Structure formats: structure tokens, C-alpha cells
N, C-alpha and C. Protein backbone atom coordinates (compact mmCIF):
# COMPACT_ATOMS: atom_id res chain seq x y z
N MET A 1 15.58 219.20 69.17
CA MET A 1 15.03 219.87 70.13
C MET A 1 13.74 218.94 70.34
N ASP A 2 13.00 218.91 71.19
CA ASP A 2 12.32 218.38 71.97
C ASP A 2 10.97 219.88 72.72
N LEU A 3 9.50 219.92 71.99
CA LEU A 3 8.77 220.66 72.19
C LEU A 3 9.04 221.21 73.97
N ALA A 4 9.98 220.31 74.94
CA ALA A 4 9.81 220.81 76.45
C ALA A 4 11.33 222.25 76.34
N GLN A 5 11.79 221.61 75.45
CA GLN A 5 13.37 222.79 75.04
C GLN A 5 12.71 223.59 74.58
N LEU A 6 11.99 223.82 73.69
CA LEU A 6 11.13 225.14 72.93
C LEU A 6 10.52 226.12 73.59
N ARG A 7 9.21 225.06 74.10
CA ARG A 7 8.80 226.16 75.55
C ARG A 7 9.77 226.78 76.36
N LYS A 8 11.17 225.86 77.00
CA LYS A 8 12.05 226.79 77.98
C LYS A 8 12.73 227.45 77.09
N LEU A 9 13.02 228.34 75.75
CA LEU A 9 13.38 228.53 74.11
C LEU A 9 12.00 230.18 74.89
N ARG A 10 11.56 229.84 74.27
CA ARG A 10 10.85 230.70 74.53
C ARG A 10 10.40 231.67 76.05
N GLU A 11 10.68 230.62 76.61
CA GLU A 11 10.26 231.46 78.50
C GLU A 11 11.96 232.10 78.57
N ALA A 12 13.17 231.91 77.76
CA ALA A 12 13.41 232.65 77.66
C ALA A 12 14.32 233.63 77.23
N THR A 13 13.54 233.93 76.48
CA THR A 13 13.25 235.25 76.14
C THR A 13 12.39 235.84 76.28
N ASN A 14 11.25 235.64 76.72
CA ASN A 14 10.17 236.44 77.72
C ASN A 14 11.00 236.66 78.91
N ASP A 15 11.88 236.70 79.66
CA ASP A 15 12.50 236.96 80.42
C ASP A 15 13.76 237.76 79.91
N ALA A 16 14.39 237.51 78.74
CA ALA A 16 14.92 238.41 78.52
C ALA A 16 15.12 240.15 78.04
N ILE A 17 13.88 240.05 77.19
CA ILE A 17 13.06 240.54 76.61
C ILE A 17 12.79 241.78 78.00
N GLU A 18 12.34 241.91 79.35
CA GLU A 18 12.19 242.26 80.32
C GLU A 18 13.29 242.84 80.91
N VAL A 19 15.05 242.21 80.55
CA VAL A 19 15.74 242.41 81.21
C VAL A 19 16.30 243.43 80.23
N VAL A 20 16.72 243.53 79.42
CA VAL A 20 16.56 245.13 78.31
C VAL A 20 15.79 245.63 78.21
N LYS A 21 14.01 245.38 78.27
CA LYS A 21 13.54 246.38 78.90
C LYS A 21 14.17 247.44 80.09
N GLU A 22 14.70 246.90 81.01
CA GLU A 22 15.28 247.13 82.23
C GLU A 22 16.26 248.13 82.16
N ARG A 23 17.11 247.50 80.87
CA ARG A 23 18.96 247.76 80.68
C ARG A 23 18.36 248.88 79.97
N TYR A 24 17.85 249.31 79.29
CA TYR A 24 17.83 250.41 78.11
C TYR A 24 16.57 251.48 78.44
N PRO A 25 16.72 252.71 77.91
CA PRO A 25 15.84 253.24 77.88
C PRO A 25 14.73 253.38 76.95
N ASN A 26 13.71 253.85 76.85
CA ASN A 26 12.94 253.91 75.57
C ASN A 26 13.84 254.21 74.65
N GLY A 27 13.10 253.71 73.30
CA GLY A 27 13.53 254.71 72.42
C GLY A 27 15.09 254.46 71.27
N CYS A 28 16.16 254.04 72.71
CA CYS A 28 17.24 253.84 72.23
C CYS A 28 17.53 252.73 71.19
N LEU A 29 16.05 251.42 71.58
CA LEU A 29 16.39 250.25 70.39
C LEU A 29 16.10 250.00 69.64
N GLY A 30 15.12 251.51 68.79
CA GLY A 30 14.40 251.47 67.78
C GLY A 30 13.19 251.23 67.84
N PRO A 31 12.01 251.32 66.80
CA PRO A 31 10.82 251.55 66.93
C PRO A 31 10.66 249.99 67.99
N VAL A 32 9.68 249.95 68.93
CA VAL A 32 9.42 248.63 70.11
C VAL A 32 8.62 249.49 70.80
N ASN A 33 7.17 248.20 70.14
CA ASN A 33 5.95 248.65 71.31
C ASN A 33 6.03 247.89 72.92
N TRP A 34 6.63 248.52 73.31
CA TRP A 34 7.39 248.30 75.16
C TRP A 34 6.05 247.35 75.68
N ALA A 35 4.85 248.14 75.50
CA ALA A 35 3.62 247.26 76.21
C ALA A 35 3.22 246.49 76.08
N ASP A 36 3.78 245.98 75.65
CA ASP A 36 2.95 244.43 74.50
C ASP A 36 4.62 243.48 73.63
N LEU A 37 5.44 244.16 74.14
CA LEU A 37 6.95 243.02 73.26
C LEU A 37 6.18 241.65 74.49
N HIS A 38 6.62 240.53 73.18
CA HIS A 38 6.42 239.27 74.21
C HIS A 38 7.55 238.24 72.89
N CYS A 39 7.51 237.47 73.01
CA CYS A 39 7.81 235.98 71.94
C CYS A 39 6.38 235.20 72.04
N THR A 40 6.75 235.50 70.76
CA THR A 40 5.52 234.25 70.41
C THR A 40 5.37 233.16 69.48
N GLU A 41 6.93 232.81 69.40
CA GLU A 41 7.41 231.68 68.71
C GLU A 41 8.91 231.42 69.15
N ALA A 42 9.35 229.93 69.36
CA ALA A 42 10.37 229.58 69.28
C ALA A 42 10.63 228.65 68.28
N SER A 43 11.29 227.91 67.80
CA SER A 43 11.48 227.14 66.52
C SER A 43 12.82 226.27 66.47
N SER A 44 13.10 225.27 66.17
CA SER A 44 13.89 224.75 66.06
C SER A 44 14.28 224.98 63.87
N VAL A 45 15.12 225.11 63.47
CA VAL A 45 15.00 225.18 61.80
C VAL A 45 16.02 224.25 61.22
N ALA A 46 15.89 223.36 60.20
CA ALA A 46 17.30 222.93 59.94
C ALA A 46 16.05 223.42 58.35
N THR A 47 16.90 223.61 57.26
CA THR A 47 16.86 223.83 55.60
C THR A 47 17.13 222.75 55.35
N ASP A 48 17.14 222.56 53.62
CA ASP A 48 17.57 222.09 52.47
C ASP A 48 18.86 222.17 52.11
N GLU A 49 20.04 223.09 53.08
CA GLU A 49 21.20 223.18 52.90
C GLU A 49 21.98 222.50 53.79
N ALA A 50 21.71 221.77 54.97
CA ALA A 50 21.95 221.46 56.14
C ALA A 50 22.54 222.41 57.53
N ASN A 51 21.29 222.99 57.18
CA ASN A 51 22.03 224.11 58.60
C ASN A 51 21.03 224.01 59.06
N GLN A 52 21.21 223.63 60.07
CA GLN A 52 20.35 223.75 61.06
C GLN A 52 20.13 225.10 62.63
N TYR A 53 19.37 225.56 63.20
CA TYR A 53 19.44 226.67 64.05
C TYR A 53 18.15 226.52 64.78
N LEU A 54 18.16 227.78 66.06
CA LEU A 54 17.22 228.23 66.76
C LEU A 54 17.26 229.38 66.42
N GLN A 55 15.02 229.65 66.78
CA GLN A 55 15.35 230.64 65.94
C GLN A 55 14.04 231.77 67.40
N VAL A 56 13.62 232.65 67.30
CA VAL A 56 12.51 232.97 68.02
C VAL A 56 12.41 235.07 67.11
N THR A 57 10.54 234.04 67.89
CA THR A 57 9.63 235.34 67.15
C THR A 57 9.69 236.35 67.81
N ILE A 58 9.94 237.94 68.14
CA ILE A 58 9.42 238.21 68.86
C ILE A 58 7.85 239.74 68.55
N GLU A 59 6.94 239.83 69.24
CA GLU A 59 6.18 241.11 68.36
C GLU A 59 5.93 241.48 69.11
N GLU A 60 5.71 242.73 68.41
CA GLU A 60 5.70 244.36 68.58
C GLU A 60 6.52 244.62 68.80
N ALA A 61 7.46 244.42 67.45
CA ALA A 61 8.71 245.22 66.85
C ALA A 61 8.90 245.74 66.01
N SER A 62 10.05 246.77 65.62
CA SER A 62 10.21 246.37 64.23
C SER A 62 10.83 245.48 63.01
N PRO A 63 10.70 244.57 62.70
CA PRO A 63 11.42 244.40 62.05
C PRO A 63 12.91 244.97 61.65
N ASP A 64 13.02 246.13 61.69
CA ASP A 64 14.68 247.23 61.62
C ASP A 64 14.93 247.51 62.96
N ALA A 65 14.49 247.01 64.29
CA ALA A 65 15.16 247.12 65.31
C ALA A 65 15.88 246.11 65.43
N GLU A 66 16.89 246.39 64.85
CA GLU A 66 18.18 245.67 64.82
C GLU A 66 19.20 245.30 66.15
N ILE A 67 19.39 246.59 67.28
CA ILE A 67 19.82 246.74 67.91
C ILE A 67 19.13 246.40 68.66
N PHE A 68 17.59 246.16 69.06
CA PHE A 68 16.89 245.12 69.88
C PHE A 68 17.02 244.02 69.73
N LYS A 69 17.15 243.50 68.87
CA LYS A 69 17.34 242.33 68.32
C LYS A 69 18.66 241.69 68.94
N THR A 70 19.98 242.69 68.23
CA THR A 70 21.09 241.92 69.44
C THR A 70 21.51 241.73 70.70
N ALA A 71 20.32 242.77 71.20
CA ALA A 71 20.25 242.94 72.36
C ALA A 71 19.92 241.82 73.31
N VAL A 72 18.60 241.16 72.35
CA VAL A 72 17.91 239.92 73.39
C VAL A 72 18.73 238.97 73.12
N GLY A 73 19.28 239.10 71.73
CA GLY A 73 20.23 237.51 71.85
C GLY A 73 21.20 237.58 72.08
N LYS A 74 22.11 238.82 72.73
CA LYS A 74 23.16 238.39 74.04
C LYS A 74 22.63 238.14 74.92
N GLU A 75 21.26 238.34 75.67
CA GLU A 75 21.07 238.19 76.57
C GLU A 75 20.93 236.59 76.71
N LEU A 76 20.34 236.52 75.21
CA LEU A 76 20.09 234.68 75.43
C LEU A 76 21.14 233.50 75.71
N SER A 77 21.78 234.55 74.70
CA SER A 77 23.39 234.52 74.97
C SER A 77 24.25 233.81 76.39
N ASP A 78 23.92 235.10 77.16
CA ASP A 78 24.40 234.99 78.24
C ASP A 78 23.97 233.72 79.64
N ARG A 79 22.85 233.22 79.06
CA ARG A 79 21.64 232.37 79.67
C ARG A 79 21.71 231.14 79.51
N GLY A 80 22.54 231.23 78.23
CA GLY A 80 23.28 229.62 77.18
C GLY A 80 22.81 229.97 76.06
N TRP A 81 21.87 229.95 75.46
CA TRP A 81 21.07 229.47 74.44
C TRP A 81 21.93 230.36 72.98
N THR A 82 22.58 230.01 73.27
CA THR A 82 24.07 230.37 71.57
C THR A 82 23.45 230.23 70.47
N GLY A 83 23.94 231.30 69.79
CA GLY A 83 23.05 231.45 68.04
C GLY A 83 21.97 231.21 67.90
N VAL A 84 20.53 232.05 68.48
CA VAL A 84 19.60 232.11 68.25
C VAL A 84 19.52 233.12 67.57
N VAL A 85 18.86 233.24 66.65
CA VAL A 85 18.27 234.20 65.24
C VAL A 85 17.07 233.97 66.10
N VAL A 86 17.10 236.16 66.32
CA VAL A 86 15.80 236.60 66.32
C VAL A 86 15.49 237.17 65.84
N LEU A 87 13.66 237.12 65.11
CA LEU A 87 13.22 237.66 64.26
C LEU A 87 11.76 238.77 65.24
N THR A 88 11.66 240.11 64.68
CA THR A 88 11.14 240.45 65.43
C THR A 88 9.73 240.99 63.80
N GLU A 89 8.41 241.59 64.98
CA GLU A 89 7.37 241.94 63.73
C GLU A 89 6.57 242.10 64.51
N TRP A 90 5.11 242.99 64.40
CA TRP A 90 4.84 243.98 64.31
C TRP A 90 3.23 243.12 64.45
């Protein structure tokens, strides 16, 4: 995956965050700072076990916000970005 595609994934992730914000009321998706939530990185990962996948990191949400991560992942999948691993961090 080239740099332009990763930038598109980052942009799609920020768009997905906005959709999730609008769709779900505050508090129901776990500990999330809705005021400053954004994707800080999109990456293509290749492991030493020959696995490859796409990953995005979203800042201002707890690493334990599983419902939020699932919602963003589903929104990305609906946009054609299937199988993206969503990580969150404060």
C-alpha cells in the first residue's frame, strides 16, 4: 500500500469517526474524549509471520473502548476498508 492510499485511509477514518459521533449518544461507546477525537496514523503492517493488515490509531479514546473501535471498524468496512485493525490511545 502506498502513501497516498494510507492518507486516504486516515481521511476515511476521520470521516468514520464523525459518523459514529453523530450516530451514537455520548457515553454509550465507552471512555472517549469526543472533543478531540482523531486518527493520528494509518499504517500497513507486515509481521514476521507473513501476516499483512491495515491499522489505524485513534487518539483521545481509551484502549478499552471496544464498542467504539468496533463501530469505527464497521463504518470503515462499509466504506470499502475491510479488515482494518482499529487501535485507540489517550
